[in-house]
Amino acid sequence: MARTMIAAFVLVLFPLTEALLPLSDSAGSIPGYRDSVKRLESLDTE
C-alpha cells in the first residue's frame, strides 16, 4: 500500500462509525414505540 493511502483508510472510518453509533439509541427506543402501538391496538380492539 502506498503511504498516501494510510490517512485515506483511517479517515474513512469516521463517517462510517458515526452512522453505526446511533443504532444503540434507536434500539433503546423500541419499547416506547411498543407502548404507543399497544395503546392504539387496544383502541382498535375496543
All heavy atoms as atom14 arrays in JSON, in Angstrom:
{
  "sequence": "MARTMIAAFVLVLFPLTEALLPLSDSAGSIPGYRDSVKRLESLDTE",
  "atom14_mask": [
    [1, 1, 1, 1, 1, 1, 1, 1, 0, 0, 0, 0, 0, 0],
    [1, 1, 1, 1, 1, 0, 0, 0, 0, 0, 0, 0, 0, 0],
    [1, 1, 1, 1, 1, 1, 1, 1, 1, 1, 1, 0, 0, 0],
    [1, 1, 1, 1, 1, 1, 1, 0, 0, 0, 0, 0, 0, 0],
    [1, 1, 1, 1, 1, 1, 1, 1, 0, 0, 0, 0, 0, 0],
    [1, 1, 1, 1, 1, 1, 1, 1, 0, 0, 0, 0, 0, 0],
    [1, 1, 1, 1, 1, 0, 0, 0, 0, 0, 0, 0, 0, 0],
    [1, 1, 1, 1, 1, 0, 0, 0, 0, 0, 0, 0, 0, 0],
    [1, 1, 1, 1, 1, 1, 1, 1, 1, 1, 1, 0, 0, 0],
    [1, 1, 1, 1, 1, 1, 1, 0, 0, 0, 0, 0, 0, 0],
    [1, 1, 1, 1, 1, 1, 1, 1, 0, 0, 0, 0, 0, 0],
    [1, 1, 1, 1, 1, 1, 1, 0, 0, 0, 0, 0, 0, 0],
    [1, 1, 1, 1, 1, 1, 1, 1, 0, 0, 0, 0, 0, 0],
    [1, 1, 1, 1, 1, 1, 1, 1, 1, 1, 1, 0, 0, 0],
    [1, 1, 1, 1, 1, 1, 1, 0, 0, 0, 0, 0, 0, 0],
    [1, 1, 1, 1, 1, 1, 1, 1, 0, 0, 0, 0, 0, 0],
    [1, 1, 1, 1, 1, 1, 1, 0, 0, 0, 0, 0, 0, 0],
    [1, 1, 1, 1, 1, 1, 1, 1, 1, 0, 0, 0, 0, 0],
    [1, 1, 1, 1, 1, 0, 0, 0, 0, 0, 0, 0, 0, 0],
    [1, 1, 1, 1, 1, 1, 1, 1, 0, 0, 0, 0, 0, 0],
    [1, 1, 1, 1, 1, 1, 1, 1, 0, 0, 0, 0, 0, 0],
    [1, 1, 1, 1, 1, 1, 1, 0, 0, 0, 0, 0, 0, 0],
    [1, 1, 1, 1, 1, 1, 1, 1, 0, 0, 0, 0, 0, 0],
    [1, 1, 1, 1, 1, 1, 0, 0, 0, 0, 0, 0, 0, 0],
    [1, 1, 1, 1, 1, 1, 1, 1, 0, 0, 0, 0, 0, 0],
    [1, 1, 1, 1, 1, 1, 0, 0, 0, 0, 0, 0, 0, 0],
    [1, 1, 1, 1, 1, 0, 0, 0, 0, 0, 0, 0, 0, 0],
    [1, 1, 1, 1, 0, 0, 0, 0, 0, 0, 0, 0, 0, 0],
    [1, 1, 1, 1, 1, 1, 0, 0, 0, 0, 0, 0, 0, 0],
    [1, 1, 1, 1, 1, 1, 1, 1, 0, 0, 0, 0, 0, 0],
    [1, 1, 1, 1, 1, 1, 1, 0, 0, 0, 0, 0, 0, 0],
    [1, 1, 1, 1, 0, 0, 0, 0, 0, 0, 0, 0, 0, 0],
    [1, 1, 1, 1, 1, 1, 1, 1, 1, 1, 1, 1, 0, 0],
    [1, 1, 1, 1, 1, 1, 1, 1, 1, 1, 1, 0, 0, 0],
    [1, 1, 1, 1, 1, 1, 1, 1, 0, 0, 0, 0, 0, 0],
    [1, 1, 1, 1, 1, 1, 0, 0, 0, 0, 0, 0, 0, 0],
    [1, 1, 1, 1, 1, 1, 1, 0, 0, 0, 0, 0, 0, 0],
    [1, 1, 1, 1, 1, 1, 1, 1, 1, 0, 0, 0, 0, 0],
    [1, 1, 1, 1, 1, 1, 1, 1, 1, 1, 1, 0, 0, 0],
    [1, 1, 1, 1, 1, 1, 1, 1, 0, 0, 0, 0, 0, 0],
    [1, 1, 1, 1, 1, 1, 1, 1, 1, 0, 0, 0, 0, 0],
    [1, 1, 1, 1, 1, 1, 0, 0, 0, 0, 0, 0, 0, 0],
    [1, 1, 1, 1, 1, 1, 1, 1, 0, 0, 0, 0, 0, 0],
    [1, 1, 1, 1, 1, 1, 1, 1, 0, 0, 0, 0, 0, 0],
    [1, 1, 1, 1, 1, 1, 1, 0, 0, 0, 0, 0, 0, 0],
    [1, 1, 1, 1, 1, 1, 1, 1, 1, 0, 0, 0, 0, 0]
  ],
  "atom14_positions": [
    [[0.85, -1.2, 0.0], [0.0, 0.0, 0.0], [0.88, 1.24, 0.0], [1.87, 1.3, 0.73], [-0.91, 0.02, 1.24], [-1.84, 1.23, 1.31], [-2.82, 1.25, 2.83], [-3.88, -0.17, 2.57], [0.0, 0.0, 0.0], [0.0, 0.0, 0.0], [0.0, 0.0, 0.0], [0.0, 0.0, 0.0], [0.0, 0.0, 0.0], [0.0, 0.0, 0.0]],
    [[0.49, 2.21, -0.81], [1.24, 3.48, -0.85], [0.99, 4.24, 0.45], [-0.09, 4.17, 1.04], [0.8, 4.31, -2.05], [0.0, 0.0, 0.0], [0.0, 0.0, 0.0], [0.0, 0.0, 0.0], [0.0, 0.0, 0.0], [0.0, 0.0, 0.0], [0.0, 0.0, 0.0], [0.0, 0.0, 0.0], [0.0, 0.0, 0.0], [0.0, 0.0, 0.0]],
    [[2.03, 5.0, 0.85], [1.9, 5.71, 2.13], [0.82, 6.8, 2.07], [0.27, 7.21, 3.09], [3.24, 6.31, 2.54], [3.8, 7.36, 1.58], [5.14, 7.86, 2.12], [5.72, 8.9, 1.28], [6.48, 8.67, 0.22], [6.75, 7.4, -0.14], [6.99, 9.66, -0.49], [0.0, 0.0, 0.0], [0.0, 0.0, 0.0], [0.0, 0.0, 0.0]],
    [[0.49, 7.27, 0.86], [-0.55, 8.3, 0.72], [-1.95, 7.74, 0.99], [-2.91, 8.5, 1.13], [-0.52, 8.9, -0.7], [-0.61, 7.83, -1.66], [0.76, 9.69, -0.92], [0.0, 0.0, 0.0], [0.0, 0.0, 0.0], [0.0, 0.0, 0.0], [0.0, 0.0, 0.0], [0.0, 0.0, 0.0], [0.0, 0.0, 0.0], [0.0, 0.0, 0.0]],
    [[-2.07, 6.41, 1.07], [-3.38, 5.79, 1.29], [-3.66, 5.54, 2.78], [-4.79, 5.22, 3.15], [-3.46, 4.46, 0.54], [-3.31, 4.59, -0.97], [-4.67, 5.53, -1.71], [-6.01, 4.38, -1.48], [0.0, 0.0, 0.0], [0.0, 0.0, 0.0], [0.0, 0.0, 0.0], [0.0, 0.0, 0.0], [0.0, 0.0, 0.0], [0.0, 0.0, 0.0]],
    [[-2.62, 5.68, 3.63], [-2.81, 5.39, 5.06], [-3.86, 6.31, 5.66], [-4.83, 5.86, 6.31], [-1.47, 5.51, 5.82], [-0.48, 4.45, 5.32], [-1.71, 5.35, 7.32], [0.91, 4.58, 5.93], [0.0, 0.0, 0.0], [0.0, 0.0, 0.0], [0.0, 0.0, 0.0], [0.0, 0.0, 0.0], [0.0, 0.0, 0.0], [0.0, 0.0, 0.0]],
    [[-3.7, 7.61, 5.45], [-4.67, 8.59, 6.01], [-6.05, 8.37, 5.41], [-7.08, 8.52, 6.09], [-4.19, 10.01, 5.74], [0.0, 0.0, 0.0], [0.0, 0.0, 0.0], [0.0, 0.0, 0.0], [0.0, 0.0, 0.0], [0.0, 0.0, 0.0], [0.0, 0.0, 0.0], [0.0, 0.0, 0.0], [0.0, 0.0, 0.0], [0.0, 0.0, 0.0]],
    [[-6.11, 8.0, 4.12], [-7.4, 7.79, 3.45], [-8.16, 6.66, 4.12], [-9.37, 6.78, 4.41], [-7.17, 7.5, 1.97], [0.0, 0.0, 0.0], [0.0, 0.0, 0.0], [0.0, 0.0, 0.0], [0.0, 0.0, 0.0], [0.0, 0.0, 0.0], [0.0, 0.0, 0.0], [0.0, 0.0, 0.0], [0.0, 0.0, 0.0], [0.0, 0.0, 0.0]],
    [[-7.47, 5.54, 4.39], [-8.15, 4.4, 5.0], [-8.57, 4.68, 6.45], [-9.6, 4.2, 6.92], [-7.23, 3.16, 4.96], [-7.4, 2.36, 3.7], [-6.64, 2.66, 2.57], [-8.3, 1.31, 3.64], [-6.79, 1.93, 1.4], [-8.45, 0.57, 2.47], [-7.7, 0.89, 1.34], [0.0, 0.0, 0.0], [0.0, 0.0, 0.0], [0.0, 0.0, 0.0]],
    [[-7.76, 5.47, 7.15], [-8.09, 5.79, 8.55], [-9.26, 6.76, 8.62], [-10.22, 6.56, 9.38], [-6.86, 6.37, 9.28], [-7.26, 6.87, 10.67], [-5.76, 5.3, 9.41], [0.0, 0.0, 0.0], [0.0, 0.0, 0.0], [0.0, 0.0, 0.0], [0.0, 0.0, 0.0], [0.0, 0.0, 0.0], [0.0, 0.0, 0.0], [0.0, 0.0, 0.0]],
    [[-9.22, 7.82, 7.82], [-10.27, 8.84, 7.88], [-11.63, 8.32, 7.42], [-12.67, 8.83, 7.86], [-9.87, 10.05, 7.02], [-8.71, 10.9, 7.56], [-8.38, 12.04, 6.6], [-9.06, 11.46, 8.93], [0.0, 0.0, 0.0], [0.0, 0.0, 0.0], [0.0, 0.0, 0.0], [0.0, 0.0, 0.0], [0.0, 0.0, 0.0], [0.0, 0.0, 0.0]],
    [[-11.64, 7.32, 6.55], [-12.93, 6.82, 6.06], [-13.76, 6.2, 7.17], [-14.99, 6.08, 7.07], [-12.69, 5.79, 4.92], [-12.28, 4.43, 5.49], [-13.95, 5.64, 4.07], [0.0, 0.0, 0.0], [0.0, 0.0, 0.0], [0.0, 0.0, 0.0], [0.0, 0.0, 0.0], [0.0, 0.0, 0.0], [0.0, 0.0, 0.0], [0.0, 0.0, 0.0]],
    [[-13.08, 5.8, 8.28], [-13.81, 5.18, 9.38], [-14.69, 6.16, 10.15], [-15.69, 5.75, 10.76], [-12.83, 4.52, 10.36], [-12.23, 3.17, 9.94], [-11.24, 2.7, 10.96], [-13.33, 2.13, 9.76], [0.0, 0.0, 0.0], [0.0, 0.0, 0.0], [0.0, 0.0, 0.0], [0.0, 0.0, 0.0], [0.0, 0.0, 0.0], [0.0, 0.0, 0.0]],
    [[-14.34, 7.44, 10.15], [-15.09, 8.4, 10.97], [-16.56, 8.52, 10.55], [-17.46, 8.39, 11.39], [-14.38, 9.77, 10.95], [-13.14, 9.79, 11.79], [-11.9, 9.52, 11.22], [-13.2, 10.07, 13.14], [-10.74, 9.53, 12.0], [-12.05, 10.09, 13.93], [-10.83, 9.81, 13.36], [0.0, 0.0, 0.0], [0.0, 0.0, 0.0], [0.0, 0.0, 0.0]],
    [[-16.87, 8.76, 9.28], [-18.3, 8.81, 8.9], [-18.99, 7.46, 8.99], [-20.19, 7.37, 9.26], [-18.27, 9.32, 7.46], [-16.91, 9.0, 6.95], [-16.01, 9.11, 8.14], [0.0, 0.0, 0.0], [0.0, 0.0, 0.0], [0.0, 0.0, 0.0], [0.0, 0.0, 0.0], [0.0, 0.0, 0.0], [0.0, 0.0, 0.0], [0.0, 0.0, 0.0]],
    [[-18.21, 6.36, 8.79], [-18.82, 5.03, 8.85], [-19.24, 4.7, 10.29], [-20.36, 4.22, 10.53], [-17.84, 3.97, 8.33], [-17.46, 4.08, 6.84], [-16.47, 2.98, 6.46], [-18.69, 4.03, 5.96], [0.0, 0.0, 0.0], [0.0, 0.0, 0.0], [0.0, 0.0, 0.0], [0.0, 0.0, 0.0], [0.0, 0.0, 0.0], [0.0, 0.0, 0.0]],
    [[-18.34, 4.92, 11.24], [-18.7, 4.65, 12.65], [-19.76, 5.63, 13.15], [-20.59, 5.29, 13.99], [-17.45, 4.73, 13.54], [-16.81, 6.0, 13.34], [-16.48, 3.61, 13.22], [0.0, 0.0, 0.0], [0.0, 0.0, 0.0], [0.0, 0.0, 0.0], [0.0, 0.0, 0.0], [0.0, 0.0, 0.0], [0.0, 0.0, 0.0], [0.0, 0.0, 0.0]],
    [[-19.73, 6.85, 12.64], [-20.74, 7.84, 13.02], [-22.14, 7.38, 12.63], [-23.12, 7.67, 13.32], [-20.42, 9.18, 12.36], [-21.33, 10.32, 12.83], [-20.99, 11.63, 12.16], [-19.95, 11.71, 11.46], [-21.77, 12.59, 12.32], [0.0, 0.0, 0.0], [0.0, 0.0, 0.0], [0.0, 0.0, 0.0], [0.0, 0.0, 0.0], [0.0, 0.0, 0.0]],
    [[-22.24, 6.64, 11.53], [-23.54, 6.11, 11.09], [-23.98, 4.92, 11.94], [-25.19, 4.66, 12.09], [-23.48, 5.71, 9.62], [0.0, 0.0, 0.0], [0.0, 0.0, 0.0], [0.0, 0.0, 0.0], [0.0, 0.0, 0.0], [0.0, 0.0, 0.0], [0.0, 0.0, 0.0], [0.0, 0.0, 0.0], [0.0, 0.0, 0.0], [0.0, 0.0, 0.0]],
    [[-23.02, 4.2, 12.52], [-23.36, 3.0, 13.29], [-23.66, 3.3, 14.75], [-24.43, 2.58, 15.39], [-22.21, 1.98, 13.2], [-21.83, 1.46, 11.81], [-20.66, 0.5, 11.92], [-23.02, 0.77, 11.15], [0.0, 0.0, 0.0], [0.0, 0.0, 0.0], [0.0, 0.0, 0.0], [0.0, 0.0, 0.0], [0.0, 0.0, 0.0], [0.0, 0.0, 0.0]],
    [[-23.06, 4.34, 15.31], [-23.2, 4.64, 16.74], [-24.64, 4.88, 17.19], [-25.04, 4.45, 18.27], [-22.32, 5.83, 17.12], [-20.8, 5.57, 17.1], [-20.04, 6.86, 17.39], [-20.42, 4.5, 18.11], [0.0, 0.0, 0.0], [0.0, 0.0, 0.0], [0.0, 0.0, 0.0], [0.0, 0.0, 0.0], [0.0, 0.0, 0.0], [0.0, 0.0, 0.0]],
    [[-25.5, 5.6, 16.4], [-26.88, 5.88, 16.86], [-27.79, 4.65, 16.94], [-28.9, 4.74, 17.45], [-27.42, 6.88, 15.82], [-26.22, 7.43, 15.14], [-25.23, 6.33, 15.15], [0.0, 0.0, 0.0], [0.0, 0.0, 0.0], [0.0, 0.0, 0.0], [0.0, 0.0, 0.0], [0.0, 0.0, 0.0], [0.0, 0.0, 0.0], [0.0, 0.0, 0.0]],
    [[-27.33, 3.49, 16.42], [-28.2, 2.31, 16.4], [-28.58, 1.87, 17.81], [-29.68, 1.36, 18.04], [-27.5, 1.16, 15.67], [-27.32, 1.34, 14.15], [-26.61, 0.13, 13.57], [-28.67, 1.54, 13.47], [0.0, 0.0, 0.0], [0.0, 0.0, 0.0], [0.0, 0.0, 0.0], [0.0, 0.0, 0.0], [0.0, 0.0, 0.0], [0.0, 0.0, 0.0]],
    [[-27.69, 2.06, 18.79], [-28.0, 1.65, 20.17], [-29.14, 2.49, 20.74], [-30.04, 1.96, 21.39], [-26.75, 1.8, 21.04], [-25.73, 0.93, 20.6], [0.0, 0.0, 0.0], [0.0, 0.0, 0.0], [0.0, 0.0, 0.0], [0.0, 0.0, 0.0], [0.0, 0.0, 0.0], [0.0, 0.0, 0.0], [0.0, 0.0, 0.0], [0.0, 0.0, 0.0]],
    [[-29.1, 3.8, 20.48], [-30.19, 4.67, 20.93], [-31.5, 4.29, 20.26], [-32.56, 4.28, 20.9], [-29.87, 6.14, 20.63], [-29.28, 6.85, 21.85], [-29.56, 6.4, 22.97], [-28.54, 7.81, 21.67], [0.0, 0.0, 0.0], [0.0, 0.0, 0.0], [0.0, 0.0, 0.0], [0.0, 0.0, 0.0], [0.0, 0.0, 0.0], [0.0, 0.0, 0.0]],
    [[-31.42, 3.99, 18.97], [-32.64, 3.6, 18.23], [-33.25, 2.34, 18.8], [-34.47, 2.24, 18.98], [-32.3, 3.39, 16.75], [-31.8, 4.58, 16.17], [0.0, 0.0, 0.0], [0.0, 0.0, 0.0], [0.0, 0.0, 0.0], [0.0, 0.0, 0.0], [0.0, 0.0, 0.0], [0.0, 0.0, 0.0], [0.0, 0.0, 0.0], [0.0, 0.0, 0.0]],
    [[-32.4, 1.35, 19.11], [-32.91, 0.1, 19.68], [-33.5, 0.33, 21.06], [-34.51, -0.27, 21.43], [-31.79, -0.94, 19.75], [0.0, 0.0, 0.0], [0.0, 0.0, 0.0], [0.0, 0.0, 0.0], [0.0, 0.0, 0.0], [0.0, 0.0, 0.0], [0.0, 0.0, 0.0], [0.0, 0.0, 0.0], [0.0, 0.0, 0.0], [0.0, 0.0, 0.0]],
    [[-32.88, 1.24, 21.85], [-33.39, 1.53, 23.18], [-34.74, 2.21, 23.17], [-35.46, 2.21, 24.18], [0.0, 0.0, 0.0], [0.0, 0.0, 0.0], [0.0, 0.0, 0.0], [0.0, 0.0, 0.0], [0.0, 0.0, 0.0], [0.0, 0.0, 0.0], [0.0, 0.0, 0.0], [0.0, 0.0, 0.0], [0.0, 0.0, 0.0], [0.0, 0.0, 0.0]],
    [[-35.11, 2.81, 22.03], [-36.41, 3.5, 21.91], [-37.55, 2.55, 21.54], [-38.72, 2.94, 21.62], [-36.32, 4.62, 20.86], [-35.31, 5.53, 21.19], [0.0, 0.0, 0.0], [0.0, 0.0, 0.0], [0.0, 0.0, 0.0], [0.0, 0.0, 0.0], [0.0, 0.0, 0.0], [0.0, 0.0, 0.0], [0.0, 0.0, 0.0], [0.0, 0.0, 0.0]],
    [[-37.21, 1.34, 21.13], [-38.24, 0.41, 20.65], [-39.31, 0.11, 21.69], [-40.51, 0.07, 21.36], [-37.58, -0.9, 20.15], [-36.82, -0.61, 18.84], [-38.62, -2.0, 19.92], [-36.04, -1.79, 18.31], [0.0, 0.0, 0.0], [0.0, 0.0, 0.0], [0.0, 0.0, 0.0], [0.0, 0.0, 0.0], [0.0, 0.0, 0.0], [0.0, 0.0, 0.0]],
    [[-38.98, -0.12, 22.99], [-40.05, -0.35, 23.98], [-41.06, 0.79, 24.05], [-42.24, 0.56, 24.29], [-39.28, -0.5, 25.3], [-37.94, -1.0, 24.91], [-37.64, -0.31, 23.61], [0.0, 0.0, 0.0], [0.0, 0.0, 0.0], [0.0, 0.0, 0.0], [0.0, 0.0, 0.0], [0.0, 0.0, 0.0], [0.0, 0.0, 0.0], [0.0, 0.0, 0.0]],
    [[-40.58, 2.04, 23.86], [-41.5, 3.18, 23.84], [-42.46, 3.11, 22.68], [-43.65, 3.42, 22.81], [0.0, 0.0, 0.0], [0.0, 0.0, 0.0], [0.0, 0.0, 0.0], [0.0, 0.0, 0.0], [0.0, 0.0, 0.0], [0.0, 0.0, 0.0], [0.0, 0.0, 0.0], [0.0, 0.0, 0.0], [0.0, 0.0, 0.0], [0.0, 0.0, 0.0]],
    [[-41.94, 2.69, 21.51], [-42.81, 2.52, 20.34], [-43.84, 1.43, 20.61], [-45.01, 1.56, 20.25], [-41.99, 2.15, 19.1], [-40.9, 3.12, 18.74], [-39.69, 2.67, 18.22], [-41.06, 4.49, 18.92], [-38.67, 3.55, 17.89], [-40.05, 5.38, 18.59], [-38.85, 4.9, 18.08], [-37.86, 5.78, 17.75], [0.0, 0.0, 0.0], [0.0, 0.0, 0.0]],
    [[-43.39, 0.36, 21.22], [-44.31, -0.76, 21.51], [-45.44, -0.31, 22.41], [-46.59, -0.72, 22.24], [-43.54, -1.9, 22.19], [-42.65, -2.7, 21.24], [-41.9, -3.77, 22.0], [-41.08, -4.59, 21.11], [-40.19, -5.48, 21.53], [-40.02, -5.66, 22.83], [-39.48, -6.18, 20.68], [0.0, 0.0, 0.0], [0.0, 0.0, 0.0], [0.0, 0.0, 0.0]],
    [[-45.13, 0.57, 23.36], [-46.15, 1.07, 24.28], [-47.21, 1.87, 23.52], [-48.4, 1.71, 23.75], [-45.5, 1.93, 25.35], [-46.46, 2.31, 26.46], [-47.02, 1.4, 27.08], [-46.65, 3.51, 26.7], [0.0, 0.0, 0.0], [0.0, 0.0, 0.0], [0.0, 0.0, 0.0], [0.0, 0.0, 0.0], [0.0, 0.0, 0.0], [0.0, 0.0, 0.0]],
    [[-46.76, 2.72, 22.59], [-47.71, 3.5, 21.78], [-48.55, 2.59, 20.9], [-49.77, 2.76, 20.79], [-46.95, 4.51, 20.91], [-46.32, 5.5, 21.69], [0.0, 0.0, 0.0], [0.0, 0.0, 0.0], [0.0, 0.0, 0.0], [0.0, 0.0, 0.0], [0.0, 0.0, 0.0], [0.0, 0.0, 0.0], [0.0, 0.0, 0.0], [0.0, 0.0, 0.0]],
    [[-47.89, 1.61, 20.28], [-48.63, 0.67, 19.42], [-49.64, -0.12, 20.23], [-50.76, -0.37, 19.78], [-47.63, -0.28, 18.71], [-48.37, -1.41, 18.02], [-46.8, 0.49, 17.69], [0.0, 0.0, 0.0], [0.0, 0.0, 0.0], [0.0, 0.0, 0.0], [0.0, 0.0, 0.0], [0.0, 0.0, 0.0], [0.0, 0.0, 0.0], [0.0, 0.0, 0.0]],
    [[-49.25, -0.51, 21.45], [-50.16, -1.29, 22.31], [-51.42, -0.51, 22.62], [-52.53, -1.05, 22.59], [-49.42, -1.67, 23.59], [-50.22, -2.6, 24.5], [-49.4, -2.98, 25.73], [-50.2, -3.89, 26.65], [-49.42, -4.28, 27.86], [0.0, 0.0, 0.0], [0.0, 0.0, 0.0], [0.0, 0.0, 0.0], [0.0, 0.0, 0.0], [0.0, 0.0, 0.0]],
    [[-51.27, 0.81, 22.92], [-52.44, 1.63, 23.21], [-53.34, 1.76, 21.99], [-54.57, 1.69, 22.09], [-52.01, 3.02, 23.71], [-51.64, 3.05, 25.17], [-51.59, 4.47, 25.69], [-50.52, 5.23, 25.08], [-49.29, 5.31, 25.57], [-49.0, 4.68, 26.68], [-48.38, 6.05, 24.98], [0.0, 0.0, 0.0], [0.0, 0.0, 0.0], [0.0, 0.0, 0.0]],
    [[-52.72, 1.95, 20.83], [-53.52, 2.08, 19.6], [-54.22, 0.78, 19.27], [-55.37, 0.78, 18.83], [-52.61, 2.52, 18.45], [-52.07, 3.95, 18.55], [-50.93, 4.17, 17.56], [-53.19, 4.96, 18.3], [0.0, 0.0, 0.0], [0.0, 0.0, 0.0], [0.0, 0.0, 0.0], [0.0, 0.0, 0.0], [0.0, 0.0, 0.0], [0.0, 0.0, 0.0]],
    [[-53.53, -0.34, 19.46], [-54.14, -1.64, 19.19], [-55.28, -1.94, 20.15], [-56.28, -2.56, 19.77], [-53.09, -2.74, 19.23], [-52.14, -2.72, 18.04], [-51.08, -3.8, 18.12], [-50.88, -4.34, 19.23], [-50.44, -4.08, 17.08], [0.0, 0.0, 0.0], [0.0, 0.0, 0.0], [0.0, 0.0, 0.0], [0.0, 0.0, 0.0], [0.0, 0.0, 0.0]],
    [[-55.13, -1.5, 21.42], [-56.22, -1.72, 22.38], [-57.45, -0.91, 21.99], [-58.58, -1.37, 22.14], [-55.77, -1.33, 23.79], [-55.55, 0.06, 23.88], [0.0, 0.0, 0.0], [0.0, 0.0, 0.0], [0.0, 0.0, 0.0], [0.0, 0.0, 0.0], [0.0, 0.0, 0.0], [0.0, 0.0, 0.0], [0.0, 0.0, 0.0], [0.0, 0.0, 0.0]],
    [[-57.23, 0.29, 21.46], [-58.35, 1.1, 20.96], [-58.99, 0.43, 19.76], [-60.21, 0.43, 19.61], [-57.84, 2.5, 20.6], [-58.91, 3.51, 20.18], [-59.86, 3.81, 21.33], [-58.26, 4.8, 19.7], [0.0, 0.0, 0.0], [0.0, 0.0, 0.0], [0.0, 0.0, 0.0], [0.0, 0.0, 0.0], [0.0, 0.0, 0.0], [0.0, 0.0, 0.0]],
    [[-58.14, -0.15, 18.9], [-58.65, -0.89, 17.74], [-59.53, -2.04, 18.18], [-60.62, -2.27, 17.65], [-57.46, -1.44, 16.95], [-57.52, -1.05, 15.49], [-58.59, -0.65, 15.03], [-56.48, -1.15, 14.81], [0.0, 0.0, 0.0], [0.0, 0.0, 0.0], [0.0, 0.0, 0.0], [0.0, 0.0, 0.0], [0.0, 0.0, 0.0], [0.0, 0.0, 0.0]],
    [[-59.05, -2.81, 19.18], [-59.8, -3.96, 19.69], [-61.13, -3.51, 20.29], [-62.17, -4.14, 20.08], [-58.97, -4.7, 20.76], [-57.72, -5.09, 20.18], [-59.7, -5.92, 21.26], [0.0, 0.0, 0.0], [0.0, 0.0, 0.0], [0.0, 0.0, 0.0], [0.0, 0.0, 0.0], [0.0, 0.0, 0.0], [0.0, 0.0, 0.0], [0.0, 0.0, 0.0]],
    [[-61.07, -2.42, 21.06], [-62.3, -1.91, 21.68], [-63.3, -1.49, 20.62], [-64.5, -1.74, 20.74], [-61.95, -0.72, 22.58], [-63.14, -0.15, 23.3], [-62.75, 0.97, 24.25], [-61.57, 1.02, 24.64], [-63.62, 1.77, 24.58], [0.0, 0.0, 0.0], [0.0, 0.0, 0.0], [0.0, 0.0, 0.0], [0.0, 0.0, 0.0], [0.0, 0.0, 0.0]]
  ]
}
